[in-house]
PDB file of N, CA and C in Angstrom:
ATOM      1  N   MET A   1      -5.789  -1.212  21.593  1.00  0.00           N
ATOM      2  CA  MET A   1      -7.044  -1.754  21.135  1.00  0.00           C
ATOM      3  C   MET A   1      -6.830  -3.000  20.270  1.00  0.00           C
ATOM      4  N   VAL A   2      -5.822  -2.962  19.406  1.00  0.00           N
ATOM      5  CA  VAL A   2      -5.578  -4.087  18.507  1.00  0.00           C
ATOM      6  C   VAL A   2      -5.283  -5.363  19.287  1.00  0.00           C
ATOM      7  N   LYS A   3      -4.501  -5.248  20.352  1.00  0.00           N
ATOM      8  CA  LYS A   3      -4.088  -6.425  21.119  1.00  0.00           C
ATOM      9  C   LYS A   3      -5.243  -7.116  21.831  1.00  0.00           C
ATOM     10  N   VAL A   4      -6.295  -6.390  22.159  1.00  0.00           N
ATOM     11  CA  VAL A   4      -7.399  -6.975  22.921  1.00  0.00           C
ATOM     12  C   VAL A   4      -8.655  -7.204  22.073  1.00  0.00           C
ATOM     13  N   SER A   5      -8.560  -7.026  20.788  1.00  0.00           N
ATOM     14  CA  SER A   5      -9.731  -7.226  19.928  1.00  0.00           C
ATOM     15  C   SER A   5      -9.443  -8.334  18.916  1.00  0.00           C
ATOM     16  N   ASN A   6     -10.470  -8.679  18.161  1.00  0.00           N
ATOM     17  CA  ASN A   6     -10.274  -9.698  17.125  1.00  0.00           C
ATOM     18  C   ASN A   6      -9.534  -9.151  15.907  1.00  0.00           C
ATOM     19  N   VAL A   7      -9.242  -7.857  15.882  1.00  0.00           N
ATOM     20  CA  VAL A   7      -8.459  -7.263  14.801  1.00  0.00           C
ATOM     21  C   VAL A   7      -7.023  -7.793  14.847  1.00  0.00           C
ATOM     22  N   LYS A   8      -6.597  -8.225  16.026  1.00  0.00           N
ATOM     23  CA  LYS A   8      -5.238  -8.731  16.216  1.00  0.00           C
ATOM     24  C   LYS A   8      -4.916  -9.863  15.234  1.00  0.00           C
ATOM     25  N   ALA A   9      -5.852 -10.766  15.015  1.00  0.00           N
ATOM     26  CA  ALA A   9      -5.617 -11.891  14.100  1.00  0.00           C
ATOM     27  C   ALA A   9      -5.345 -11.403  12.686  1.00  0.00           C
ATOM     28  N   GLY A  10      -6.076 -10.386  12.261  1.00  0.00           N
ATOM     29  CA  GLY A  10      -5.851  -9.829  10.928  1.00  0.00           C
ATOM     30  C   GLY A  10      -4.479  -9.192  10.804  1.00  0.00           C
ATOM     31  N   PHE A  11      -4.050  -8.472  11.828  1.00  0.00           N
ATOM     32  CA  PHE A  11      -2.732  -7.857  11.814  1.00  0.00           C
ATOM     33  C   PHE A  11      -1.633  -8.912  11.814  1.00  0.00           C
ATOM     34  N   GLU A  12      -1.820  -9.976  12.593  1.00  0.00           N
ATOM     35  CA  GLU A  12      -0.824 -11.045  12.627  1.00  0.00           C
ATOM     36  C   GLU A  12      -0.727 -11.732  11.270  1.00  0.00           C
ATOM     37  N   ASP A  13      -1.875 -11.975  10.626  1.00  0.00           N
ATOM     38  CA  ASP A  13      -1.889 -12.585   9.304  1.00  0.00           C
ATOM     39  C   ASP A  13      -1.205 -11.664   8.298  1.00  0.00           C
ATOM     40  N   HIS A  14      -1.502 -10.396   8.363  1.00  0.00           N
ATOM     41  CA  HIS A  14      -0.895  -9.397   7.473  1.00  0.00           C
ATOM     42  C   HIS A  14       0.625  -9.408   7.636  1.00  0.00           C
ATOM     43  N   HIS A  15       1.079  -9.440   8.877  1.00  0.00           N
ATOM     44  CA  HIS A  15       2.522  -9.460   9.157  1.00  0.00           C
ATOM     45  C   HIS A  15       3.159 -10.741   8.613  1.00  0.00           C
ATOM     46  N   GLY A  16       2.468 -11.868   8.746  1.00  0.00           N
ATOM     47  CA  GLY A  16       2.992 -13.134   8.240  1.00  0.00           C
ATOM     48  C   GLY A  16       3.147 -13.130   6.730  1.00  0.00           C
ATOM     49  N   VAL A  17       2.159 -12.609   6.031  1.00  0.00           N
ATOM     50  CA  VAL A  17       2.232 -12.507   4.569  1.00  0.00           C
ATOM     51  C   VAL A  17       3.391 -11.596   4.181  1.00  0.00           C
ATOM     52  N   ASP A  18       3.530 -10.494   4.885  1.00  0.00           N
ATOM     53  CA  ASP A  18       4.616  -9.549   4.633  1.00  0.00           C
ATOM     54  C   ASP A  18       5.965 -10.266   4.718  1.00  0.00           C
ATOM     55  N   GLN A  19       6.161 -11.067   5.757  1.00  0.00           N
ATOM     56  CA  GLN A  19       7.431 -11.778   5.938  1.00  0.00           C
ATOM     57  C   GLN A  19       7.688 -12.776   4.809  1.00  0.00           C
ATOM     58  N   VAL A  20       6.658 -13.506   4.406  1.00  0.00           N
ATOM     59  CA  VAL A  20       6.807 -14.490   3.323  1.00  0.00           C
ATOM     60  C   VAL A  20       7.174 -13.795   2.014  1.00  0.00           C
ATOM     61  N   VAL A  21       6.483 -12.712   1.697  1.00  0.00           N
ATOM     62  CA  VAL A  21       6.753 -11.980   0.454  1.00  0.00           C
ATOM     63  C   VAL A  21       8.176 -11.427   0.463  1.00  0.00           C
ATOM     64  N   ARG A  22       8.565 -10.790   1.565  1.00  0.00           N
ATOM     65  CA  ARG A  22       9.903 -10.201   1.655  1.00  0.00           C
ATOM     66  C   ARG A  22      11.008 -11.248   1.553  1.00  0.00           C
ATOM     67  N   ALA A  23      10.763 -12.456   2.026  1.00  0.00           N
ATOM     68  CA  ALA A  23      11.771 -13.514   1.990  1.00  0.00           C
ATOM     69  C   ALA A  23      11.843 -14.212   0.630  1.00  0.00           C
ATOM     70  N   SER A  24      10.878 -13.953  -0.228  1.00  0.00           N
ATOM     71  CA  SER A  24      10.863 -14.617  -1.539  1.00  0.00           C
ATOM     72  C   SER A  24      11.951 -14.044  -2.444  1.00  0.00           C
ATOM     73  N   GLY A  25      12.283 -14.780  -3.456  1.00  0.00           N
ATOM     74  CA  GLY A  25      13.289 -14.327  -4.406  1.00  0.00           C
ATOM     75  C   GLY A  25      12.701 -13.543  -5.559  1.00  0.00           C
ATOM     76  N   THR A  26      11.439 -13.173  -5.459  1.00  0.00           N
ATOM     77  CA  THR A  26      10.775 -12.475  -6.558  1.00  0.00           C
ATOM     78  C   THR A  26      10.864 -10.960  -6.395  1.00  0.00           C
ATOM     79  N   ASP A  27      10.570 -10.258  -7.464  1.00  0.00           N
ATOM     80  CA  ASP A  27      10.392  -8.807  -7.380  1.00  0.00           C
ATOM     81  C   ASP A  27       8.987  -8.581  -6.839  1.00  0.00           C
ATOM     82  N   TRP A  28       8.869  -7.809  -5.793  1.00  0.00           N
ATOM     83  CA  TRP A  28       7.574  -7.576  -5.166  1.00  0.00           C
ATOM     84  C   TRP A  28       7.439  -6.109  -4.804  1.00  0.00           C
ATOM     85  N   THR A  29       6.196  -5.689  -4.650  1.00  0.00           N
ATOM     86  CA  THR A  29       5.852  -4.373  -4.117  1.00  0.00           C
ATOM     87  C   THR A  29       4.657  -4.570  -3.209  1.00  0.00           C
ATOM     88  N   LEU A  30       4.749  -4.109  -1.975  1.00  0.00           N
ATOM     89  CA  LEU A  30       3.638  -4.186  -1.034  1.00  0.00           C
ATOM     90  C   LEU A  30       3.043  -2.784  -0.905  1.00  0.00           C
ATOM     91  N   ALA A  31       2.046  -2.498  -1.721  1.00  0.00           N
ATOM     92  CA  ALA A  31       1.412  -1.178  -1.705  1.00  0.00           C
ATOM     93  C   ALA A  31       0.502  -1.080  -0.492  1.00  0.00           C
ATOM     94  N   ARG A  32       0.720  -0.060   0.322  1.00  0.00           N
ATOM     95  CA  ARG A  32      -0.060   0.179   1.539  1.00  0.00           C
ATOM     96  C   ARG A  32      -0.979   1.364   1.280  1.00  0.00           C
ATOM     97  N   ALA A  33      -2.214   1.090   0.955  1.00  0.00           N
ATOM     98  CA  ALA A  33      -3.166   2.161   0.658  1.00  0.00           C
ATOM     99  C   ALA A  33      -3.782   2.699   1.941  1.00  0.00           C
ATOM    100  N   VAL A  34      -4.010   3.999   1.978  1.00  0.00           N
ATOM    101  CA  VAL A  34      -4.785   4.604   3.066  1.00  0.00           C
ATOM    102  C   VAL A  34      -6.251   4.235   2.818  1.00  0.00           C
ATOM    103  N   ALA A  35      -7.194   4.854   3.480  1.00  0.00           N
ATOM    104  CA  ALA A  35      -8.612   4.524   3.303  1.00  0.00           C
ATOM    105  C   ALA A  35      -9.017   4.653   1.833  1.00  0.00           C
ATOM    106  N   LEU A  36      -9.745   3.662   1.348  1.00  0.00           N
ATOM    107  CA  LEU A  36     -10.183   3.633  -0.049  1.00  0.00           C
ATOM    108  C   LEU A  36     -11.550   4.285  -0.211  1.00  0.00           C
ATOM    109  N   SER A  37     -11.727   4.962  -1.352  1.00  0.00           N
ATOM    110  CA  SER A  37     -13.027   5.555  -1.687  1.00  0.00           C
ATOM    111  C   SER A  37     -13.441   5.068  -3.067  1.00  0.00           C
ATOM    112  N   ASN A  38     -14.696   5.293  -3.397  1.00  0.00           N
ATOM    113  CA  ASN A  38     -15.212   4.907  -4.713  1.00  0.00           C
ATOM    114  C   ASN A  38     -15.237   6.073  -5.689  1.00  0.00           C
ATOM    115  N   LYS A  39     -14.608   7.173  -5.350  1.00  0.00           N
ATOM    116  CA  LYS A  39     -14.577   8.335  -6.235  1.00  0.00           C
ATOM    117  C   LYS A  39     -13.735   8.034  -7.470  1.00  0.00           C
ATOM    118  N   PRO A  40     -13.950   8.775  -8.559  1.00  0.00           N
ATOM    119  CA  PRO A  40     -13.091   8.601  -9.741  1.00  0.00           C
ATOM    120  C   PRO A  40     -11.652   9.010  -9.416  1.00  0.00           C
ATOM    121  N   ALA A  41     -10.726   8.487 -10.182  1.00  0.00           N
ATOM    122  CA  ALA A  41      -9.324   8.876  -9.996  1.00  0.00           C
ATOM    123  C   ALA A  41      -9.193  10.370 -10.248  1.00  0.00           C
ATOM    124  N   GLY A  42      -8.461  11.045  -9.405  1.00  0.00           N
ATOM    125  CA  GLY A  42      -8.253  12.484  -9.557  1.00  0.00           C
ATOM    126  C   GLY A  42      -6.802  12.757  -9.892  1.00  0.00           C
ATOM    127  N   ALA A  43      -6.161  13.538  -9.059  1.00  0.00           N
ATOM    128  CA  ALA A  43      -4.739  13.846  -9.245  1.00  0.00           C
ATOM    129  C   ALA A  43      -3.931  12.553  -9.162  1.00  0.00           C
ATOM    130  N   PRO A  44      -2.759  12.540  -9.779  1.00  0.00           N
ATOM    131  CA  PRO A  44      -1.939  11.330  -9.709  1.00  0.00           C
ATOM    132  C   PRO A  44      -1.676  10.938  -8.254  1.00  0.00           C
ATOM    133  N   PRO A  45      -1.683   9.645  -7.960  1.00  0.00           N
ATOM    134  CA  PRO A  45      -1.437   9.202  -6.594  1.00  0.00           C
ATOM    135  C   PRO A  45      -0.020   9.544  -6.146  1.00  0.00           C
ATOM    136  N   ARG A  46       0.151   9.668  -4.844  1.00  0.00           N
ATOM    137  CA  ARG A  46       1.463   9.892  -4.260  1.00  0.00           C
ATOM    138  C   ARG A  46       1.850   8.664  -3.482  1.00  0.00           C
ATOM    139  N   ALA A  47       3.140   8.448  -3.353  1.00  0.00           N
ATOM    140  CA  ALA A  47       3.631   7.296  -2.602  1.00  0.00           C
ATOM    141  C   ALA A  47       4.941   7.660  -1.932  1.00  0.00           C
ATOM    142  N   ALA A  48       5.164   7.074  -0.771  1.00  0.00           N
ATOM    143  CA  ALA A  48       6.405   7.306  -0.037  1.00  0.00           C
ATOM    144  C   ALA A  48       6.625   6.148   0.924  1.00  0.00           C
ATOM    145  N   GLU A  49       7.874   5.945   1.298  1.00  0.00           N
ATOM    146  CA  GLU A  49       8.185   4.965   2.331  1.00  0.00           C
ATOM    147  C   GLU A  49       7.549   5.454   3.625  1.00  0.00           C
ATOM    148  N   ALA A  50       7.068   4.552   4.436  1.00  0.00           N
ATOM    149  CA  ALA A  50       6.427   4.915   5.705  1.00  0.00           C
ATOM    150  C   ALA A  50       7.356   5.788   6.534  1.00  0.00           C
ATOM    151  N   GLY A  51       6.781   6.861   7.063  1.00  0.00           N
ATOM    152  CA  GLY A  51       7.524   7.751   7.934  1.00  0.00           C
ATOM    153  C   GLY A  51       8.338   8.823   7.240  1.00  0.00           C
ATOM    154  N   THR A  52       8.322   8.863   5.895  1.00  0.00           N
ATOM    155  CA  THR A  52       9.117   9.858   5.181  1.00  0.00           C
ATOM    156  C   THR A  52       8.298  11.038   4.672  1.00  0.00           C
ATOM    157  N   ASP A  53       6.986  10.905   4.650  1.00  0.00           N
ATOM    158  CA  ASP A  53       6.109  11.971   4.159  1.00  0.00           C
ATOM    159  C   ASP A  53       4.783  11.850   4.885  1.00  0.00           C
ATOM    160  N   LYS A  54       4.074  12.953   5.011  1.00  0.00           N
ATOM    161  CA  LYS A  54       2.766  12.905   5.654  1.00  0.00           C
ATOM    162  C   LYS A  54       1.719  12.553   4.597  1.00  0.00           C
ATOM    163  N   PRO A  55       1.087  11.387   4.719  1.00  0.00           N
ATOM    164  CA  PRO A  55       0.134  10.964   3.689  1.00  0.00           C
ATOM    165  C   PRO A  55      -1.205  11.662   3.816  1.00  0.00           C
ATOM    166  N   GLY A  56      -1.941  11.639   2.721  1.00  0.00           N
ATOM    167  CA  GLY A  56      -3.319  12.094   2.744  1.00  0.00           C
ATOM    168  C   GLY A  56      -4.179  11.036   3.416  1.00  0.00           C
ATOM    169  N   MET A  57      -5.443  11.327   3.542  1.00  0.00           N
ATOM    170  CA  MET A  57      -6.357  10.442   4.275  1.00  0.00           C
ATOM    171  C   MET A  57      -6.994   9.356   3.408  1.00  0.00           C
ATOM    172  N   ARG A  58      -7.083   9.603   2.091  1.00  0.00           N
ATOM    173  CA  ARG A  58      -7.805   8.662   1.228  1.00  0.00           C
ATOM    174  C   ARG A  58      -7.134   8.530  -0.135  1.00  0.00           C
ATOM    175  N   ILE A  59      -7.536   7.472  -0.807  1.00  0.00           N
ATOM    176  CA  ILE A  59      -7.215   7.299  -2.226  1.00  0.00           C
ATOM    177  C   ILE A  59      -8.383   6.544  -2.848  1.00  0.00           C
ATOM    178  N   SER A  60      -8.728   6.909  -4.065  1.00  0.00           N
ATOM    179  CA  SER A  60      -9.811   6.182  -4.736  1.00  0.00           C
ATOM    180  C   SER A  60      -9.277   4.826  -5.204  1.00  0.00           C
ATOM    181  N   ARG A  61     -10.163   3.904  -5.336  1.00  0.00           N
ATOM    182  CA  ARG A  61      -9.770   2.584  -5.845  1.00  0.00           C
ATOM    183  C   ARG A  61      -9.160   2.727  -7.244  1.00  0.00           C
ATOM    184  N   ALA A  62      -9.738   3.631  -8.043  1.00  0.00           N
ATOM    185  CA  ALA A  62      -9.211   3.875  -9.392  1.00  0.00           C
ATOM    186  C   ALA A  62      -7.803   4.469  -9.318  1.00  0.00           C
ATOM    187  N   GLY A  63      -7.563   5.368  -8.372  1.00  0.00           N
ATOM    188  CA  GLY A  63      -6.236   5.958  -8.200  1.00  0.00           C
ATOM    189  C   GLY A  63      -5.216   4.920  -7.767  1.00  0.00           C
ATOM    190  N   LEU A  64      -5.625   4.028  -6.865  1.00  0.00           N
ATOM    191  CA  LEU A  64      -4.733   2.951  -6.440  1.00  0.00           C
ATOM    192  C   LEU A  64      -4.432   2.018  -7.606  1.00  0.00           C
ATOM    193  N   ALA A  65      -5.439   1.712  -8.409  1.00  0.00           N
ATOM    194  CA  ALA A  65      -5.225   0.868  -9.588  1.00  0.00           C
ATOM    195  C   ALA A  65      -4.228   1.529 -10.543  1.00  0.00           C
ATOM    196  N   ASP A  66      -4.363   2.836 -10.743  1.00  0.00           N
ATOM    197  CA  ASP A  66      -3.401   3.563 -11.591  1.00  0.00           C
ATOM    198  C   ASP A  66      -1.989   3.426 -11.043  1.00  0.00           C
ATOM    199  N   PHE A  67      -1.843   3.595  -9.723  1.00  0.00           N
ATOM    200  CA  PHE A  67      -0.535   3.457  -9.096  1.00  0.00           C
ATOM    201  C   PHE A  67       0.044   2.060  -9.331  1.00  0.00           C
ATOM    202  N   LEU A  68      -0.770   1.036  -9.138  1.00  0.00           N
ATOM    203  CA  LEU A  68      -0.288  -0.341  -9.286  1.00  0.00           C
ATOM    204  C   LEU A  68       0.144  -0.638 -10.721  1.00  0.00           C
ATOM    205  N   VAL A  69      -0.658  -0.199 -11.683  1.00  0.00           N
ATOM    206  CA  VAL A  69      -0.298  -0.419 -13.092  1.00  0.00           C
ATOM    207  C   VAL A  69       0.997   0.318 -13.434  1.00  0.00           C
ATOM    208  N   ASP A  70       1.108   1.578 -13.035  1.00  0.00           N
ATOM    209  CA  ASP A  70       2.332   2.349 -13.296  1.00  0.00           C
ATOM    210  C   ASP A  70       3.547   1.695 -12.638  1.00  0.00           C
ATOM    211  N   THR A  71       3.367   1.195 -11.424  1.00  0.00           N
ATOM    212  CA  THR A  71       4.461   0.554 -10.701  1.00  0.00           C
ATOM    213  C   THR A  71       4.968  -0.675 -11.454  1.00  0.00           C
ATOM    214  N   VAL A  72       4.049  -1.473 -11.962  1.00  0.00           N
ATOM    215  CA  VAL A  72       4.442  -2.663 -12.714  1.00  0.00           C
ATOM    216  C   VAL A  72       5.097  -2.274 -14.039  1.00  0.00           C
ATOM    217  N   GLU A  73       4.487  -1.349 -14.768  1.00  0.00           N
ATOM    218  CA  GLU A  73       5.011  -0.961 -16.077  1.00  0.00           C
ATOM    219  C   GLU A  73       6.371  -0.267 -15.989  1.00  0.00           C
ATOM    220  N   GLN A  74       6.582   0.549 -14.951  1.00  0.00           N
ATOM    221  CA  GLN A  74       7.818   1.322 -14.841  1.00  0.00           C
ATOM    222  C   GLN A  74       8.879   0.642 -13.982  1.00  0.00           C
ATOM    223  N   GLY A  75       8.497  -0.403 -13.270  1.00  0.00           N
ATOM    224  CA  GLY A  75       9.464  -1.099 -12.424  1.00  0.00           C
ATOM    225  C   GLY A  75       9.860  -0.307 -11.190  1.00  0.00           C
ATOM    226  N   THR A  76       9.020   0.636 -10.790  1.00  0.00           N
ATOM    227  CA  THR A  76       9.319   1.412  -9.590  1.00  0.00           C
ATOM    228  C   THR A  76       8.844   0.664  -8.351  1.00  0.00           C
ATOM    229  N   TRP A  77       9.398   0.984  -7.224  1.00  0.00           N
ATOM    230  CA  TRP A  77       9.019   0.440  -5.928  1.00  0.00           C
ATOM    231  C   TRP A  77       9.287  -1.057  -5.793  1.00  0.00           C
ATOM    232  N   ILE A  78      10.214  -1.599  -6.568  1.00  0.00           N
ATOM    233  CA  ILE A  78      10.545  -3.021  -6.449  1.00  0.00           C
ATOM    234  C   ILE A  78      11.228  -3.269  -5.112  1.00  0.00           C
ATOM    235  N   ARG A  79      10.737  -4.297  -4.408  1.00  0.00           N
ATOM    236  CA  ARG A  79      11.236  -4.705  -3.098  1.00  0.00           C
ATOM    237  C   ARG A  79      11.076  -3.589  -2.061  1.00  0.00           C
ATOM    238  N   LYS A  80       9.951  -2.866  -2.181  1.00  0.00           N
ATOM    239  CA  LYS A  80       9.626  -1.794  -1.243  1.00  0.00           C
ATOM    240  C   LYS A  80       8.138  -1.886  -0.889  1.00  0.00           C
ATOM    241  N   ALA A  81       7.767  -1.183   0.186  1.00  0.00           N
ATOM    242  CA  ALA A  81       6.383  -1.182   0.654  1.00  0.00           C
ATOM    243  C   ALA A  81       5.902   0.264   0.831  1.00  0.00           C
ATOM    244  N   PRO A  82       5.574   0.930  -0.270  1.00  0.00           N
ATOM    245  CA  PRO A  82       5.167   2.333  -0.159  1.00  0.00           C
ATOM    246  C   PRO A  82       3.759   2.495   0.384  1.00  0.00           C
ATOM    247  N   LEU A  83       3.550   3.606   1.076  1.00  0.00           N
ATOM    248  CA  LEU A  83       2.228   4.038   1.481  1.00  0.00           C
ATOM    249  C   LEU A  83       1.705   4.888   0.320  1.00  0.00           C
ATOM    250  N   VAL A  84       0.457   4.651  -0.091  1.00  0.00           N
ATOM    251  CA  VAL A  84      -0.086   5.309  -1.278  1.00  0.00           C
ATOM    252  C   VAL A  84      -1.350   6.087  -0.925  1.00  0.00           C
ATOM    253  N   TRP A  85      -1.436   7.342  -1.429  1.00  0.00           N
ATOM    254  CA  TRP A  85      -2.590   8.201  -1.141  1.00  0.00           C
ATOM    255  C   TRP A  85      -2.805   9.172  -2.304  1.00  0.00           C
ATOM    256  N   SER A  86      -3.931   9.858  -2.270  1.00  0.00           N
ATOM    257  CA  SER A  86      -4.223  10.886  -3.279  1.00  0.00           C
ATOM    258  C   SER A  86      -3.635  12.210  -2.838  1.00  0.00           C
ATOM    259  N   ALA A  87      -3.103  12.941  -3.807  1.00  0.00           N
ATOM    260  CA  ALA A  87      -2.511  14.261  -3.517  1.00  0.00           C
ATOM    261  C   ALA A  87      -3.582  15.262  -3.191  1.00  0.00           C
TER     262      ALA A  87
END
């Protein structure tokens, strides 16, 4: 479906940004959130490298924000692209 729809351009752009970020000399984290909700943050967010854990279906925007702040403050997930979801 992606190859024959206009979604393809978005995926190609996403892939291009990914390549530029990964090639940079900076510390980076590419957080890959599952579907976002507007619910309040609940249990602490979970994160894993793609293909290493079965993710949940959603994460609240507040939960994702918590994950991002913790990641920056603790220096975790540097030069990685974790998938992030609510437990």
